[in-house]
Amino acid sequence: MLSSSTFKPLKTGAEASPFADTDWLVVYKLFPLHASGGLGKTFEIERHPDGQGFEMTVRDALLVETMEKLIVLHDAGAHPTEIVGIDEQGDYLVVKQPLAYPYVDLDADRLIALEQIRAVPCRARFRRAVWILWEHDQAWVMSDLHPGNIMRDANGVPTIIDALLSPLPPSLIKSDRMLAEDVEDAKALREGRQPRSRDVFALISDDEL
């Protein structure tokens, strides 16, 4: 068991309050467990009412959803995360990560961090930047890769320390050609295969050019 006499509070995020243990170079994140059962954030995905693209609605996540997100990101190759457990009072989910350091170039570091988890940019129409990854035998849609979630590990390698993540329903995948292709590409990368090369004009009429 690690023990330290002091913890340094870091900038609180939307989901958790982090504290650095500078003796052991780790960060403990405390996710508050709300009376409603909510813990952390996730989102729902549905077709936009106009039929053009998809709508994402952020909501409070359940404990199991937040734990699943942390496990998927860890297994996919993001910054290592250990689930410590629930505190004795039942107020927080506690997780632990190695101490990370600021990014050097946000755009360049984000691209490298995305390569680490084999995520592909989503070409389907969302109202925000999203990526698709394949893990645990299913597709996931990921968002919220803002500056606070892109850092560098102890070896100076860019990494993702957190993100919004949600499973992608098969019915939505089937409803959009580009989304289905992105899922196919993400699965290929996860399995160590090269994604198929695609003709970007394949389904576009000459009259529309």
Protein backbone atom coordinates (compact mmCIF):
# COMPACT_ATOMS: atom_id res chain seq x y z
CA MET A 1 0.00 0.00 0.00
CA LEU A 2 1.26 3.47 -0.87
CA SER A 3 1.16 6.14 1.81
CA SER A 4 2.03 9.81 1.76
CA SER A 5 1.87 12.60 4.29
CA THR A 6 0.62 15.23 1.85
CA PHE A 7 -1.49 15.48 -1.29
CA LYS A 8 -1.36 18.42 -3.66
CA PRO A 9 -4.79 19.45 -5.01
CA LEU A 10 -4.83 19.88 -8.79
CA LYS A 11 -7.32 21.68 -11.02
CA THR A 12 -10.76 20.16 -10.55
CA GLY A 13 -12.40 18.84 -13.70
CA ALA A 14 -16.04 18.40 -14.67
CA GLU A 15 -16.11 14.84 -13.30
CA ALA A 16 -13.46 14.45 -10.62
CA SER A 17 -11.20 16.22 -8.14
CA PRO A 18 -7.54 15.17 -8.59
CA PHE A 19 -4.85 15.13 -5.93
CA ALA A 20 -1.16 14.54 -6.66
CA ASP A 21 0.99 12.36 -4.43
CA THR A 22 4.42 13.83 -5.20
CA ASP A 23 6.19 11.21 -3.04
CA TRP A 24 5.08 8.36 -5.31
CA LEU A 25 4.37 10.41 -8.48
CA VAL A 26 0.75 9.31 -8.77
CA VAL A 27 -2.55 11.17 -8.99
CA TYR A 28 -5.70 10.14 -7.13
CA LYS A 29 -8.98 11.20 -8.71
CA LEU A 30 -12.12 11.42 -6.59
CA PHE A 31 -15.38 11.05 -8.49
CA PRO A 32 -18.25 12.27 -6.24
CA LEU A 33 -21.13 9.80 -5.93
CA HIS A 34 -24.34 11.86 -6.00
CA ALA A 35 -27.48 11.01 -4.08
CA SER A 36 -29.21 10.38 -7.42
CA GLY A 37 -26.72 7.60 -8.17
CA GLY A 38 -24.90 9.69 -10.76
CA LEU A 39 -21.13 9.56 -10.93
CA GLY A 40 -19.11 11.20 -13.69
CA LYS A 41 -20.48 12.08 -17.11
CA THR A 42 -21.56 10.21 -20.23
CA PHE A 43 -23.86 10.97 -23.14
CA GLU A 44 -26.77 9.62 -25.11
CA ILE A 45 -26.65 9.45 -28.92
CA GLU A 46 -29.64 9.71 -31.23
CA ARG A 47 -30.48 10.78 -34.75
CA HIS A 48 -30.88 14.55 -35.15
CA PRO A 49 -34.54 15.51 -35.69
CA ASP A 50 -33.74 16.82 -39.18
CA GLY A 51 -32.32 13.41 -40.11
CA GLN A 52 -28.92 14.94 -40.82
CA GLY A 53 -26.32 13.51 -38.47
CA PHE A 54 -26.45 12.72 -34.77
CA GLU A 55 -27.20 14.51 -31.52
CA MET A 56 -25.25 13.95 -28.29
CA THR A 57 -26.83 14.76 -24.94
CA VAL A 58 -24.48 14.81 -21.95
CA ARG A 59 -25.92 13.39 -18.73
CA ASP A 60 -24.77 12.10 -15.34
CA ALA A 61 -23.30 8.62 -15.63
CA LEU A 62 -24.05 5.73 -13.31
CA LEU A 63 -21.27 4.19 -11.24
CA VAL A 64 -21.05 1.17 -13.54
CA GLU A 65 -20.86 3.40 -16.63
CA THR A 66 -18.00 5.46 -15.24
CA MET A 67 -16.12 2.33 -14.19
CA GLU A 68 -16.68 0.85 -17.65
CA LYS A 69 -15.33 4.02 -19.28
CA LEU A 70 -12.19 3.95 -17.14
CA ILE A 71 -11.61 0.27 -17.96
CA VAL A 72 -12.14 0.74 -21.71
CA LEU A 73 -9.78 3.73 -21.90
CA HIS A 74 -7.16 1.85 -19.89
CA ASP A 75 -7.43 -1.29 -22.03
CA ALA A 76 -7.43 0.73 -25.25
CA GLY A 77 -4.03 2.23 -24.38
CA ALA A 78 -4.84 5.60 -22.81
CA HIS A 79 -3.08 6.74 -19.62
CA PRO A 80 -3.00 3.76 -17.19
CA THR A 81 -5.81 3.89 -14.64
CA GLU A 82 -6.29 1.76 -11.53
CA ILE A 83 -9.70 1.66 -9.86
CA VAL A 84 -8.91 1.90 -6.15
CA GLY A 85 -12.51 1.58 -4.96
CA ILE A 86 -15.20 3.43 -3.01
CA ASP A 87 -14.16 5.41 0.07
CA GLU A 88 -15.32 4.25 3.50
CA GLN A 89 -18.15 6.80 3.64
CA GLY A 90 -19.43 5.82 0.18
CA ASP A 91 -19.05 9.37 -1.13
CA TYR A 92 -16.39 8.89 -3.82
CA LEU A 93 -15.09 6.48 -6.41
CA VAL A 94 -11.29 6.70 -6.15
CA VAL A 95 -9.00 5.96 -9.09
CA LYS A 96 -5.24 6.29 -9.47
CA GLN A 97 -3.05 7.27 -12.43
CA PRO A 98 0.70 7.87 -12.84
CA LEU A 99 1.53 11.56 -12.62
CA ALA A 100 1.27 13.12 -16.10
CA TYR A 101 2.78 16.30 -17.46
CA PRO A 102 1.54 19.14 -19.71
CA TYR A 103 1.31 18.63 -23.46
CA VAL A 104 3.82 20.40 -25.69
CA ASP A 105 1.76 20.96 -28.85
CA LEU A 106 -1.96 20.27 -28.37
CA ASP A 107 -2.87 19.31 -31.93
CA ALA A 108 0.24 17.22 -32.55
CA ASP A 109 0.10 15.55 -29.12
CA ARG A 110 -3.62 14.78 -29.51
CA LEU A 111 -2.96 13.02 -32.83
CA ILE A 112 -0.24 10.86 -31.26
CA ALA A 113 -2.43 10.09 -28.24
CA LEU A 114 -5.26 9.02 -30.57
CA GLU A 115 -2.87 6.74 -32.45
CA GLN A 116 -1.96 5.14 -29.12
CA ILE A 117 -5.56 3.99 -28.60
CA ARG A 118 -6.18 3.26 -32.31
CA ALA A 119 -9.04 5.74 -32.59
CA VAL A 120 -10.23 7.13 -35.92
CA PRO A 121 -11.87 10.51 -36.52
CA CYS A 122 -15.59 10.15 -37.09
CA ARG A 123 -16.76 11.41 -40.49
CA ALA A 124 -20.45 11.12 -39.68
CA ARG A 125 -22.11 14.41 -38.81
CA PHE A 126 -21.95 15.22 -35.10
CA ARG A 127 -22.22 18.65 -33.50
CA ARG A 128 -18.76 18.23 -31.96
CA ALA A 129 -15.47 16.52 -32.74
CA VAL A 130 -15.74 12.78 -32.02
CA TRP A 131 -13.65 9.69 -32.59
CA ILE A 132 -14.47 6.01 -32.92
CA LEU A 133 -12.57 3.19 -31.25
CA TRP A 134 -13.09 -0.55 -31.04
CA GLU A 135 -12.54 -2.22 -27.68
CA HIS A 136 -14.12 -5.10 -25.74
CA ASP A 137 -15.65 -6.40 -29.00
CA GLN A 138 -17.76 -3.31 -29.61
CA ALA A 139 -17.63 0.22 -31.00
CA TRP A 140 -17.33 3.30 -28.78
CA VAL A 141 -17.71 6.97 -29.60
CA MET A 142 -15.34 9.33 -27.78
CA SER A 143 -15.38 13.09 -27.32
CA ASP A 144 -14.19 15.90 -25.03
CA LEU A 145 -10.48 15.74 -25.86
CA HIS A 146 -9.95 19.29 -24.61
CA PRO A 147 -6.53 20.59 -23.42
CA GLY A 148 -7.05 19.26 -19.90
CA ASN A 149 -7.41 15.69 -21.14
CA ILE A 150 -4.27 15.57 -23.30
CA MET A 151 -0.99 15.27 -21.39
CA ARG A 152 2.36 13.45 -21.56
CA ASP A 153 3.46 10.46 -19.53
CA ALA A 154 6.75 10.08 -17.63
CA ASN A 155 8.49 9.09 -20.88
CA GLY A 156 7.24 12.19 -22.69
CA VAL A 157 4.71 10.26 -24.79
CA PRO A 158 1.39 12.05 -25.42
CA THR A 159 -1.52 10.34 -23.73
CA ILE A 160 -5.25 10.72 -23.03
CA ILE A 161 -5.96 11.00 -19.31
CA ASP A 162 -9.75 11.20 -19.61
CA ALA A 163 -12.55 11.63 -22.16
CA LEU A 164 -16.28 11.28 -22.59
CA LEU A 165 -17.00 7.77 -23.85
CA SER A 166 -20.17 5.91 -24.73
CA PRO A 167 -20.98 2.62 -26.49
CA LEU A 168 -22.22 3.05 -30.05
CA PRO A 169 -25.55 1.26 -30.60
CA PRO A 170 -25.50 -1.18 -33.58
CA SER A 171 -28.75 0.32 -34.86
CA LEU A 172 -27.08 3.72 -35.26
CA ILE A 173 -24.04 2.18 -36.90
CA LYS A 174 -26.25 0.55 -39.51
CA SER A 175 -28.12 3.79 -40.15
CA ASP A 176 -25.14 5.74 -41.51
CA ARG A 177 -22.66 4.58 -44.16
CA MET A 178 -19.75 6.74 -43.00
CA LEU A 179 -20.29 5.78 -39.37
CA ALA A 180 -20.30 2.09 -40.33
CA GLU A 181 -17.07 2.55 -42.29
CA ASP A 182 -15.41 4.38 -39.38
CA VAL A 183 -16.33 1.51 -37.05
CA GLU A 184 -14.93 -0.96 -39.58
CA ASP A 185 -11.67 1.03 -39.72
CA ALA A 186 -11.39 1.25 -35.93
CA LYS A 187 -11.92 -2.50 -35.63
CA ALA A 188 -9.25 -3.15 -38.26
CA LEU A 189 -6.73 -0.99 -36.37
CA ARG A 190 -7.51 -2.77 -33.09
CA GLU A 191 -6.94 -6.13 -34.78
CA GLY A 192 -3.65 -4.99 -36.30
CA ARG A 193 -4.97 -4.69 -39.85
CA GLN A 194 -4.78 -1.75 -42.21
CA PRO A 195 -8.14 -0.03 -42.82
CA ARG A 196 -9.54 -0.33 -46.31
CA SER A 197 -8.71 2.47 -48.74
CA ARG A 198 -11.92 4.21 -49.73
CA ASP A 199 -13.04 6.30 -52.67
CA VAL A 200 -14.34 9.49 -51.05
CA PHE A 201 -16.50 10.20 -54.13
CA ALA A 202 -17.91 6.66 -54.42
CA LEU A 203 -21.52 7.51 -53.55
CA ILE A 204 -21.61 11.08 -54.87
CA SER A 205 -23.40 11.82 -58.10
CA ASP A 206 -21.50 13.76 -60.77
CA ASP A 207 -24.40 16.23 -60.75
CA GLU A 208 -23.59 17.11 -57.14
CA LEU A 209 -19.97 17.95 -57.81
